[in-house]
C-alpha cells in the first residue's frame, strides 16, 4: 500500500520563513520522510481550533529541521506553519531519540 502525505502552506508565510530562517517549506517537507523523525505536541501554541505539532527530522545532507505544523481535520493534509534548522541542543535530542 502506498501512502502519500499531502501538504499545504501559506505562500506569504513560506517567503517570510525563507527570509527569516533560510528554509523553504518545500524543502522542509522532506523531514516527514525521515523514519527517525520525532514529533511533539506543541502545548504552548495549540488552541481548541488548531492542534500544533513540532517535528524534528532529517531533511537529507545531515540537516535536521524543526517543522511546526498542524494536521487539518477530516483530511490527510498537513499544513506547514514554520521550519528552520535545528539548534545543537535540538540535534542532540534528535540523535538521542528523545
PDB file of N, CA and C in Angstrom:
ATOM      1  N   UNK A   1       0.843  -1.182   0.000  1.00  0.00           N
ATOM      2  CA  UNK A   1       0.000   0.000   0.000  1.00  0.00           C
ATOM      3  C   UNK A   1       0.885   1.241   0.000  1.00  0.00           C
ATOM      4  N   UNK A   2       0.573   2.175  -0.851  1.00  0.00           N
ATOM      5  CA  UNK A   2       1.342   3.410  -0.955  1.00  0.00           C
ATOM      6  C   UNK A   2       0.603   4.524  -0.217  1.00  0.00           C
ATOM      7  N   UNK A   3       1.327   5.247   0.621  1.00  0.00           N
ATOM      8  CA  UNK A   3       0.732   6.331   1.394  1.00  0.00           C
ATOM      9  C   UNK A   3       1.508   7.601   1.114  1.00  0.00           C
ATOM     10  N   UNK A   4       0.790   8.625   0.715  1.00  0.00           N
ATOM     11  CA  UNK A   4       1.462   9.878   0.399  1.00  0.00           C
ATOM     12  C   UNK A   4       0.819  11.009   1.193  1.00  0.00           C
ATOM     13  N   UNK A   5       1.622  11.721   1.914  1.00  0.00           N
ATOM     14  CA  UNK A   5       1.136  12.854   2.696  1.00  0.00           C
ATOM     15  C   UNK A   5       0.980  14.049   1.763  1.00  0.00           C
ATOM     16  N   UNK A   6      -0.126  14.754   1.913  1.00  0.00           N
ATOM     17  CA  UNK A   6      -0.326  15.998   1.175  1.00  0.00           C
ATOM     18  C   UNK A   6      -0.003  17.156   2.109  1.00  0.00           C
ATOM     19  N   UNK A   7       0.609  18.187   1.542  1.00  0.00           N
ATOM     20  CA  UNK A   7       0.995  19.360   2.317  1.00  0.00           C
ATOM     21  C   UNK A   7       0.353  20.605   1.734  1.00  0.00           C
ATOM     22  N   UNK A   8       0.193  21.591   2.599  1.00  0.00           N
ATOM     23  CA  UNK A   8      -0.211  22.920   2.142  1.00  0.00           C
ATOM     24  C   UNK A   8       0.429  23.937   3.061  1.00  0.00           C
ATOM     25  N   UNK A   9       0.485  25.175   2.587  1.00  0.00           N
ATOM     26  CA  UNK A   9       1.008  26.273   3.386  1.00  0.00           C
ATOM     27  C   UNK A   9       0.613  27.583   2.743  1.00  0.00           C
ATOM     28  N   UNK A  10       0.759  28.625   3.511  1.00  0.00           N
ATOM     29  CA  UNK A  10       0.511  29.988   3.054  1.00  0.00           C
ATOM     30  C   UNK A  10       1.782  30.466   2.355  1.00  0.00           C
ATOM     31  N   UNK A  11       1.662  30.873   1.103  1.00  0.00           N
ATOM     32  CA  UNK A  11       2.843  31.293   0.338  1.00  0.00           C
ATOM     33  C   UNK A  11       3.535  32.511   0.944  1.00  0.00           C
ATOM     34  N   UNK A  12       2.765  33.419   1.516  1.00  0.00           N
ATOM     35  CA  UNK A  12       3.366  34.593   2.160  1.00  0.00           C
ATOM     36  C   UNK A  12       4.228  34.147   3.342  1.00  0.00           C
ATOM     37  N   UNK A  13       3.703  33.217   4.145  1.00  0.00           N
ATOM     38  CA  UNK A  13       4.481  32.697   5.286  1.00  0.00           C
ATOM     39  C   UNK A  13       5.708  31.925   4.804  1.00  0.00           C
ATOM     40  N   UNK A  14       5.575  31.229   3.684  1.00  0.00           N
ATOM     41  CA  UNK A  14       6.697  30.497   3.108  1.00  0.00           C
ATOM     42  C   UNK A  14       7.836  31.463   2.768  1.00  0.00           C
ATOM     43  N   UNK A  15       7.503  32.566   2.146  1.00  0.00           N
ATOM     44  CA  UNK A  15       8.514  33.569   1.786  1.00  0.00           C
ATOM     45  C   UNK A  15       9.114  34.204   3.040  1.00  0.00           C
ATOM     46  N   UNK A  16       8.272  34.541   4.012  1.00  0.00           N
ATOM     47  CA  UNK A  16       8.768  35.113   5.269  1.00  0.00           C
ATOM     48  C   UNK A  16       9.687  34.126   5.982  1.00  0.00           C
ATOM     49  N   UNK A  17       9.322  32.855   5.973  1.00  0.00           N
ATOM     50  CA  UNK A  17      10.121  31.818   6.618  1.00  0.00           C
ATOM     51  C   UNK A  17      11.486  31.700   5.947  1.00  0.00           C
ATOM     52  N   UNK A  18      11.505  31.748   4.615  1.00  0.00           N
ATOM     53  CA  UNK A  18      12.772  31.655   3.899  1.00  0.00           C
ATOM     54  C   UNK A  18      13.677  32.825   4.245  1.00  0.00           C
ATOM     55  N   UNK A  19      13.101  34.015   4.324  1.00  0.00           N
ATOM     56  CA  UNK A  19      13.894  35.201   4.670  1.00  0.00           C
ATOM     57  C   UNK A  19      14.420  35.124   6.105  1.00  0.00           C
ATOM     58  N   UNK A  20      13.588  34.658   7.020  1.00  0.00           N
ATOM     59  CA  UNK A  20      13.963  34.616   8.437  1.00  0.00           C
ATOM     60  C   UNK A  20      14.878  33.438   8.770  1.00  0.00           C
ATOM     61  N   UNK A  21      14.575  32.255   8.210  1.00  0.00           N
ATOM     62  CA  UNK A  21      15.293  31.034   8.601  1.00  0.00           C
ATOM     63  C   UNK A  21      16.099  30.390   7.472  1.00  0.00           C
ATOM     64  N   UNK A  22      15.951  30.897   6.249  1.00  0.00           N
ATOM     65  CA  UNK A  22      16.685  30.320   5.122  1.00  0.00           C
ATOM     66  C   UNK A  22      16.169  28.963   4.672  1.00  0.00           C
ATOM     67  N   UNK A  23      14.912  28.659   4.982  1.00  0.00           N
ATOM     68  CA  UNK A  23      14.336  27.353   4.649  1.00  0.00           C
ATOM     69  C   UNK A  23      13.006  27.551   3.918  1.00  0.00           C
ATOM     70  N   UNK A  24      12.883  26.893   2.761  1.00  0.00           N
ATOM     71  CA  UNK A  24      11.605  26.854   2.042  1.00  0.00           C
ATOM     72  C   UNK A  24      10.780  25.695   2.606  1.00  0.00           C
ATOM     73  N   UNK A  25       9.466  25.851   2.640  1.00  0.00           N
ATOM     74  CA  UNK A  25       8.605  24.777   3.124  1.00  0.00           C
ATOM     75  C   UNK A  25       8.705  23.537   2.237  1.00  0.00           C
ATOM     76  N   UNK A  26       8.906  23.728   0.952  1.00  0.00           N
ATOM     77  CA  UNK A  26       9.070  22.591   0.034  1.00  0.00           C
ATOM     78  C   UNK A  26      10.228  21.702   0.497  1.00  0.00           C
ATOM     79  N   UNK A  27      11.309  22.331   0.934  1.00  0.00           N
ATOM     80  CA  UNK A  27      12.460  21.586   1.446  1.00  0.00           C
ATOM     81  C   UNK A  27      12.129  20.918   2.788  1.00  0.00           C
ATOM     82  N   UNK A  28      11.383  21.623   3.625  1.00  0.00           N
ATOM     83  CA  UNK A  28      11.044  21.113   4.959  1.00  0.00           C
ATOM     84  C   UNK A  28      10.158  19.871   4.899  1.00  0.00           C
ATOM     85  N   UNK A  29       9.404  19.698   3.812  1.00  0.00           N
ATOM     86  CA  UNK A  29       8.548  18.512   3.667  1.00  0.00           C
ATOM     87  C   UNK A  29       9.348  17.226   3.810  1.00  0.00           C
ATOM     88  N   UNK A  30      10.605  17.263   3.408  1.00  0.00           N
ATOM     89  CA  UNK A  30      11.441  16.063   3.433  1.00  0.00           C
ATOM     90  C   UNK A  30      11.602  15.496   4.846  1.00  0.00           C
ATOM     91  N   UNK A  31      11.490  16.333   5.857  1.00  0.00           N
ATOM     92  CA  UNK A  31      11.631  15.865   7.243  1.00  0.00           C
ATOM     93  C   UNK A  31      10.563  14.833   7.596  1.00  0.00           C
ATOM     94  N   UNK A  32       9.411  14.893   6.930  1.00  0.00           N
ATOM     95  CA  UNK A  32       8.326  13.954   7.208  1.00  0.00           C
ATOM     96  C   UNK A  32       8.621  12.556   6.655  1.00  0.00           C
ATOM     97  N   UNK A  33       9.602  12.449   5.765  1.00  0.00           N
ATOM     98  CA  UNK A  33      10.005  11.148   5.211  1.00  0.00           C
ATOM     99  C   UNK A  33      11.022  10.436   6.093  1.00  0.00           C
ATOM    100  N   UNK A  34      11.535  11.125   7.092  1.00  0.00           N
ATOM    101  CA  UNK A  34      12.560  10.556   7.968  1.00  0.00           C
ATOM    102  C   UNK A  34      11.934   9.520   8.905  1.00  0.00           C
ATOM    103  N   UNK A  35      12.336   8.241   8.791  1.00  0.00           N
ATOM    104  CA  UNK A  35      11.762   7.222   9.678  1.00  0.00           C
ATOM    105  C   UNK A  35      12.142   7.424  11.148  1.00  0.00           C
ATOM    106  N   UNK A  36      13.158   8.233  11.411  1.00  0.00           N
ATOM    107  CA  UNK A  36      13.586   8.503  12.787  1.00  0.00           C
ATOM    108  C   UNK A  36      13.070   9.839  13.319  1.00  0.00           C
ATOM    109  N   UNK A  37      12.195  10.487  12.567  1.00  0.00           N
ATOM    110  CA  UNK A  37      11.659  11.783  12.989  1.00  0.00           C
ATOM    111  C   UNK A  37      10.948  11.646  14.333  1.00  0.00           C
ATOM    112  N   UNK A  38      10.999  12.714  15.101  1.00  0.00           N
ATOM    113  CA  UNK A  38      10.358  12.770  16.413  1.00  0.00           C
ATOM    114  C   UNK A  38       9.304  13.872  16.360  1.00  0.00           C
ATOM    115  N   UNK A  39       8.107  13.565  16.836  1.00  0.00           N
ATOM    116  CA  UNK A  39       7.011  14.540  16.830  1.00  0.00           C
ATOM    117  C   UNK A  39       6.571  14.801  18.265  1.00  0.00           C
ATOM    118  N   UNK A  40       6.455  16.088  18.595  1.00  0.00           N
ATOM    119  CA  UNK A  40       5.981  16.528  19.910  1.00  0.00           C
ATOM    120  C   UNK A  40       4.695  17.318  19.718  1.00  0.00           C
ATOM    121  N   UNK A  41       3.786  17.210  20.678  1.00  0.00           N
ATOM    122  CA  UNK A  41       2.617  18.079  20.682  1.00  0.00           C
ATOM    123  C   UNK A  41       3.062  19.449  21.164  1.00  0.00           C
ATOM    124  N   UNK A  42       2.643  20.512  20.481  1.00  0.00           N
ATOM    125  CA  UNK A  42       3.025  21.880  20.832  1.00  0.00           C
ATOM    126  C   UNK A  42       1.967  22.473  21.768  1.00  0.00           C
ATOM    127  N   UNK A  43       2.100  22.178  23.054  1.00  0.00           N
ATOM    128  CA  UNK A  43       1.133  22.647  24.050  1.00  0.00           C
ATOM    129  C   UNK A  43       1.060  24.170  24.093  1.00  0.00           C
ATOM    130  N   UNK A  44       2.193  24.809  23.957  1.00  0.00           N
ATOM    131  CA  UNK A  44       2.267  26.264  24.111  1.00  0.00           C
ATOM    132  C   UNK A  44       1.504  27.017  23.027  1.00  0.00           C
ATOM    133  N   UNK A  45       1.516  26.511  21.798  1.00  0.00           N
ATOM    134  CA  UNK A  45       0.925  27.252  20.685  1.00  0.00           C
ATOM    135  C   UNK A  45      -0.329  26.617  20.098  1.00  0.00           C
ATOM    136  N   UNK A  46      -0.807  25.540  20.695  1.00  0.00           N
ATOM    137  CA  UNK A  46      -2.037  24.909  20.219  1.00  0.00           C
ATOM    138  C   UNK A  46      -3.245  25.609  20.824  1.00  0.00           C
ATOM    139  N   UNK A  47      -4.372  25.464  20.143  1.00  0.00           N
ATOM    140  CA  UNK A  47      -5.629  26.010  20.641  1.00  0.00           C
ATOM    141  C   UNK A  47      -6.720  24.970  20.393  1.00  0.00           C
ATOM    142  N   UNK A  48      -7.934  25.269  20.822  1.00  0.00           N
ATOM    143  CA  UNK A  48      -9.039  24.353  20.560  1.00  0.00           C
ATOM    144  C   UNK A  48      -9.301  24.230  19.064  1.00  0.00           C
ATOM    145  N   UNK A  49      -9.034  25.291  18.324  1.00  0.00           N
ATOM    146  CA  UNK A  49      -9.272  25.281  16.874  1.00  0.00           C
ATOM    147  C   UNK A  49      -8.127  24.654  16.091  1.00  0.00           C
ATOM    148  N   UNK A  50      -6.913  24.728  16.628  1.00  0.00           N
ATOM    149  CA  UNK A  50      -5.756  24.250  15.871  1.00  0.00           C
ATOM    150  C   UNK A  50      -4.756  23.571  16.803  1.00  0.00           C
ATOM    151  N   UNK A  51      -4.598  22.267  16.622  1.00  0.00           N
ATOM    152  CA  UNK A  51      -3.612  21.495  17.392  1.00  0.00           C
ATOM    153  C   UNK A  51      -2.310  21.491  16.604  1.00  0.00           C
ATOM    154  N   UNK A  52      -1.274  22.056  17.215  1.00  0.00           N
ATOM    155  CA  UNK A  52       0.023  22.149  16.533  1.00  0.00           C
ATOM    156  C   UNK A  52       0.994  21.090  17.039  1.00  0.00           C
ATOM    157  N   UNK A  53       1.895  20.713  16.140  1.00  0.00           N
ATOM    158  CA  UNK A  53       2.913  19.718  16.438  1.00  0.00           C
ATOM    159  C   UNK A  53       4.274  20.239  15.997  1.00  0.00           C
ATOM    160  N   UNK A  54       5.315  19.725  16.638  1.00  0.00           N
ATOM    161  CA  UNK A  54       6.693  20.070  16.278  1.00  0.00           C
ATOM    162  C   UNK A  54       7.378  18.779  15.864  1.00  0.00           C
ATOM    163  N   UNK A  55       7.932  18.771  14.664  1.00  0.00           N
ATOM    164  CA  UNK A  55       8.627  17.599  14.153  1.00  0.00           C
ATOM    165  C   UNK A  55      10.114  17.900  14.050  1.00  0.00           C
ATOM    166  N   UNK A  56      10.945  17.007  14.576  1.00  0.00           N
ATOM    167  CA  UNK A  56      12.398  17.058  14.395  1.00  0.00           C
ATOM    168  C   UNK A  56      12.728  15.957  13.405  1.00  0.00           C
ATOM    169  N   UNK A  57      13.261  16.337  12.233  1.00  0.00           N
ATOM    170  CA  UNK A  57      13.543  15.315  11.235  1.00  0.00           C
ATOM    171  C   UNK A  57      14.685  15.693  10.321  1.00  0.00           C
ATOM    172  N   UNK A  58      15.312  14.674   9.769  1.00  0.00           N
ATOM    173  CA  UNK A  58      16.445  14.831   8.853  1.00  0.00           C
ATOM    174  C   UNK A  58      15.910  15.110   7.451  1.00  0.00           C
ATOM    175  N   UNK A  59      16.389  16.190   6.857  1.00  0.00           N
ATOM    176  CA  UNK A  59      15.972  16.567   5.506  1.00  0.00           C
ATOM    177  C   UNK A  59      17.004  16.165   4.463  1.00  0.00           C
ATOM    178  N   UNK A  60      17.939  15.341   4.838  1.00  0.00           N
ATOM    179  CA  UNK A  60      18.990  14.947   3.905  1.00  0.00           C
ATOM    180  C   UNK A  60      20.214  15.822   4.109  1.00  0.00           C
ATOM    181  N   UNK A  61      21.327  15.351   3.581  1.00  0.00           N
ATOM    182  CA  UNK A  61      22.590  16.079   3.731  1.00  0.00           C
ATOM    183  C   UNK A  61      22.862  16.395   5.205  1.00  0.00           C
ATOM    184  N   UNK A  62      22.359  15.501   6.088  1.00  0.00           N
ATOM    185  CA  UNK A  62      22.558  15.638   7.534  1.00  0.00           C
ATOM    186  C   UNK A  62      22.102  16.991   8.077  1.00  0.00           C
ATOM    187  N   UNK A  63      21.001  17.473   7.566  1.00  0.00           N
ATOM    188  CA  UNK A  63      20.388  18.713   8.047  1.00  0.00           C
ATOM    189  C   UNK A  63      19.124  18.348   8.805  1.00  0.00           C
ATOM    190  N   UNK A  64      19.122  18.625  10.101  1.00  0.00           N
ATOM    191  CA  UNK A  64      17.958  18.351  10.944  1.00  0.00           C
ATOM    192  C   UNK A  64      17.115  19.623  11.003  1.00  0.00           C
ATOM    193  N   UNK A  65      15.840  19.490  10.689  1.00  0.00           N
ATOM    194  CA  UNK A  65      14.930  20.625  10.698  1.00  0.00           C
ATOM    195  C   UNK A  65      13.916  20.486  11.828  1.00  0.00           C
ATOM    196  N   UNK A  66      13.449  21.635  12.295  1.00  0.00           N
ATOM    197  CA  UNK A  66      12.323  21.734  13.218  1.00  0.00           C
ATOM    198  C   UNK A  66      11.168  22.275  12.384  1.00  0.00           C
ATOM    199  N   UNK A  67      10.103  21.495  12.280  1.00  0.00           N
ATOM    200  CA  UNK A  67       8.966  21.891  11.449  1.00  0.00           C
ATOM    201  C   UNK A  67       7.718  21.960  12.322  1.00  0.00           C
ATOM    202  N   UNK A  68       7.147  23.157  12.433  1.00  0.00           N
ATOM    203  CA  UNK A  68       5.895  23.343  13.159  1.00  0.00           C
ATOM    204  C   UNK A  68       4.776  23.155  12.141  1.00  0.00           C
ATOM    205  N   UNK A  69       3.798  22.328  12.505  1.00  0.00           N
ATOM    206  CA  UNK A  69       2.729  22.026  11.561  1.00  0.00           C
ATOM    207  C   UNK A  69       1.448  21.664  12.302  1.00  0.00           C
ATOM    208  N   UNK A  70       0.371  21.595  11.562  1.00  0.00           N
ATOM    209  CA  UNK A  70      -0.887  21.091  12.102  1.00  0.00           C
ATOM    210  C   UNK A  70      -1.467  20.107  11.094  1.00  0.00           C
ATOM    211  N   UNK A  71      -2.251  19.192  11.607  1.00  0.00           N
ATOM    212  CA  UNK A  71      -2.934  18.221  10.759  1.00  0.00           C
ATOM    213  C   UNK A  71      -4.348  18.739  10.554  1.00  0.00           C
ATOM    214  N   UNK A  72      -4.726  18.943   9.300  1.00  0.00           N
ATOM    215  CA  UNK A  72      -6.038  19.501   9.010  1.00  0.00           C
ATOM    216  C   UNK A  72      -7.125  18.461   9.274  1.00  0.00           C
ATOM    217  N   UNK A  73      -8.158  18.890   9.990  1.00  0.00           N
ATOM    218  CA  UNK A  73      -9.241  17.978  10.365  1.00  0.00           C
ATOM    219  C   UNK A  73      -9.939  17.413   9.140  1.00  0.00           C
ATOM    220  N   UNK A  74     -10.319  16.150   9.254  1.00  0.00           N
ATOM    221  CA  UNK A  74     -11.070  15.443   8.212  1.00  0.00           C
ATOM    222  C   UNK A  74     -10.346  15.371   6.873  1.00  0.00           C
ATOM    223  N   UNK A  75      -9.027  15.497   6.884  1.00  0.00           N
ATOM    224  CA  UNK A  75      -8.241  15.368   5.655  1.00  0.00           C
ATOM    225  C   UNK A  75      -6.962  14.609   5.984  1.00  0.00           C
ATOM    226  N   UNK A  76      -6.216  14.305   4.970  1.00  0.00           N
ATOM    227  CA  UNK A  76      -4.897  13.688   5.135  1.00  0.00           C
ATOM    228  C   UNK A  76      -3.807  14.737   4.908  1.00  0.00           C
ATOM    229  N   UNK A  77      -4.166  16.023   5.031  1.00  0.00           N
ATOM    230  CA  UNK A  77      -3.225  17.107   4.746  1.00  0.00           C
ATOM    231  C   UNK A  77      -2.537  17.613   6.002  1.00  0.00           C
ATOM    232  N   UNK A  78      -1.309  18.047   5.794  1.00  0.00           N
ATOM    233  CA  UNK A  78      -0.529  18.697   6.840  1.00  0.00           C
ATOM    234  C   UNK A  78      -0.250  20.119   6.380  1.00  0.00           C
ATOM    235  N   UNK A  79      -0.506  21.061   7.268  1.00  0.00           N
ATOM    236  CA  UNK A  79      -0.225  22.470   6.966  1.00  0.00           C
ATOM    237  C   UNK A  79       1.064  22.845   7.685  1.00  0.00           C
ATOM    238  N   UNK A  80       2.077  23.239   6.908  1.00  0.00           N
ATOM    239  CA  UNK A  80       3.345  23.674   7.497  1.00  0.00           C
ATOM    240  C   UNK A  80       3.210  25.132   7.908  1.00  0.00           C
ATOM    241  N   UNK A  81       3.583  25.416   9.142  1.00  0.00           N
ATOM    242  CA  UNK A  81       3.463  26.762   9.702  1.00  0.00           C
ATOM    243  C   UNK A  81       4.816  27.459   9.723  1.00  0.00           C
ATOM    244  N   UNK A  82       5.874  26.731  10.103  1.00  0.00           N
ATOM    245  CA  UNK A  82       7.226  27.295  10.084  1.00  0.00           C
ATOM    246  C   UNK A  82       8.236  26.156  10.038  1.00  0.00           C
ATOM    247  N   UNK A  83       9.443  26.485   9.601  1.00  0.00           N
ATOM    248  CA  UNK A  83      10.518  25.491   9.523  1.00  0.00           C
ATOM    249  C   UNK A  83      11.859  26.200   9.641  1.00  0.00           C
ATOM    250  N   UNK A  84      12.778  25.529  10.335  1.00  0.00           N
ATOM    251  CA  UNK A  84      14.122  26.085  10.487  1.00  0.00           C
ATOM    252  C   UNK A  84      15.087  24.948  10.772  1.00  0.00           C
ATOM    253  N   UNK A  85      16.380  25.247  10.669  1.00  0.00           N
ATOM    254  CA  UNK A  85      17.377  24.250  11.038  1.00  0.00           C
ATOM    255  C   UNK A  85      17.395  24.125  12.556  1.00  0.00           C
ATOM    256  N   UNK A  86      17.612  22.919  13.026  1.00  0.00           N
ATOM    257  CA  UNK A  86      17.632  22.647  14.465  1.00  0.00           C
ATOM    258  C   UNK A  86      18.877  23.246  15.116  1.00  0.00           C
ATOM    259  N   UNK A  87      18.737  23.621  16.377  1.00  0.00           N
ATOM    260  CA  UNK A  87      19.877  24.081  17.171  1.00  0.00           C
ATOM    261  C   UNK A  87      20.702  22.863  17.592  1.00  0.00           C
ATOM    262  N   UNK A  88      21.878  23.096  18.141  1.00  0.00           N
ATOM    263  CA  UNK A  88      22.717  21.986  18.614  1.00  0.00           C
ATOM    264  C   UNK A  88      21.986  21.158  19.673  1.00  0.00           C
ATOM    265  N   UNK A  89      21.283  21.827  20.567  1.00  0.00           N
ATOM    266  CA  UNK A  89      20.529  21.131  21.618  1.00  0.00           C
ATOM    267  C   UNK A  89      19.434  20.256  21.003  1.00  0.00           C
ATOM    268  N   UNK A  90      18.736  20.781  20.008  1.00  0.00           N
ATOM    269  CA  UNK A  90      17.676  20.017  19.349  1.00  0.00           C
ATOM    270  C   UNK A  90      18.254  18.839  18.565  1.00  0.00           C
ATOM    271  N   UNK A  91      19.414  19.036  17.961  1.00  0.00           N
ATOM    272  CA  UNK A  91      20.075  17.945  17.236  1.00  0.00           C
ATOM    273  C   UNK A  91      20.426  16.817  18.205  1.00  0.00           C
ATOM    274  N   UNK A  92      20.909  17.170  19.395  1.00  0.00           N
ATOM    275  CA  UNK A  92      21.211  16.149  20.412  1.00  0.00           C
ATOM    276  C   UNK A  92      19.950  15.360  20.780  1.00  0.00           C
ATOM    277  N   UNK A  93      18.836  16.069  20.952  1.00  0.00           N
ATOM    278  CA  UNK A  93      17.570  15.396  21.265  1.00  0.00           C
ATOM    279  C   UNK A  93      17.206  14.419  20.150  1.00  0.00           C
ATOM    280  N   UNK A  94      17.374  14.877  18.923  1.00  0.00           N
ATOM    281  CA  UNK A  94      17.066  14.017  17.775  1.00  0.00           C
ATOM    282  C   UNK A  94      17.957  12.777  17.792  1.00  0.00           C
ATOM    283  N   UNK A  95      19.243  12.993  17.996  1.00  0.00           N
ATOM    284  CA  UNK A  95      20.197  11.879  17.985  1.00  0.00           C
ATOM    285  C   UNK A  95      19.955  10.897  19.127  1.00  0.00           C
ATOM    286  N   UNK A  96      19.466  11.406  20.256  1.00  0.00           N
ATOM    287  CA  UNK A  96      19.175  10.550  21.407  1.00  0.00           C
ATOM    288  C   UNK A  96      17.791   9.911  21.305  1.00  0.00           C
ATOM    289  N   UNK A  97      17.027  10.347  20.308  1.00  0.00           N
ATOM    290  CA  UNK A  97      15.688   9.786  20.120  1.00  0.00           C
ATOM    291  C   UNK A  97      14.683  10.231  21.142  1.00  0.00           C
ATOM    292  N   UNK A  98      14.913  11.411  21.710  1.00  0.00           N
ATOM    293  CA  UNK A  98      14.019  11.931  22.757  1.00  0.00           C
ATOM    294  C   UNK A  98      12.887  12.702  22.109  1.00  0.00           C
TER     295      UNK A  98
END
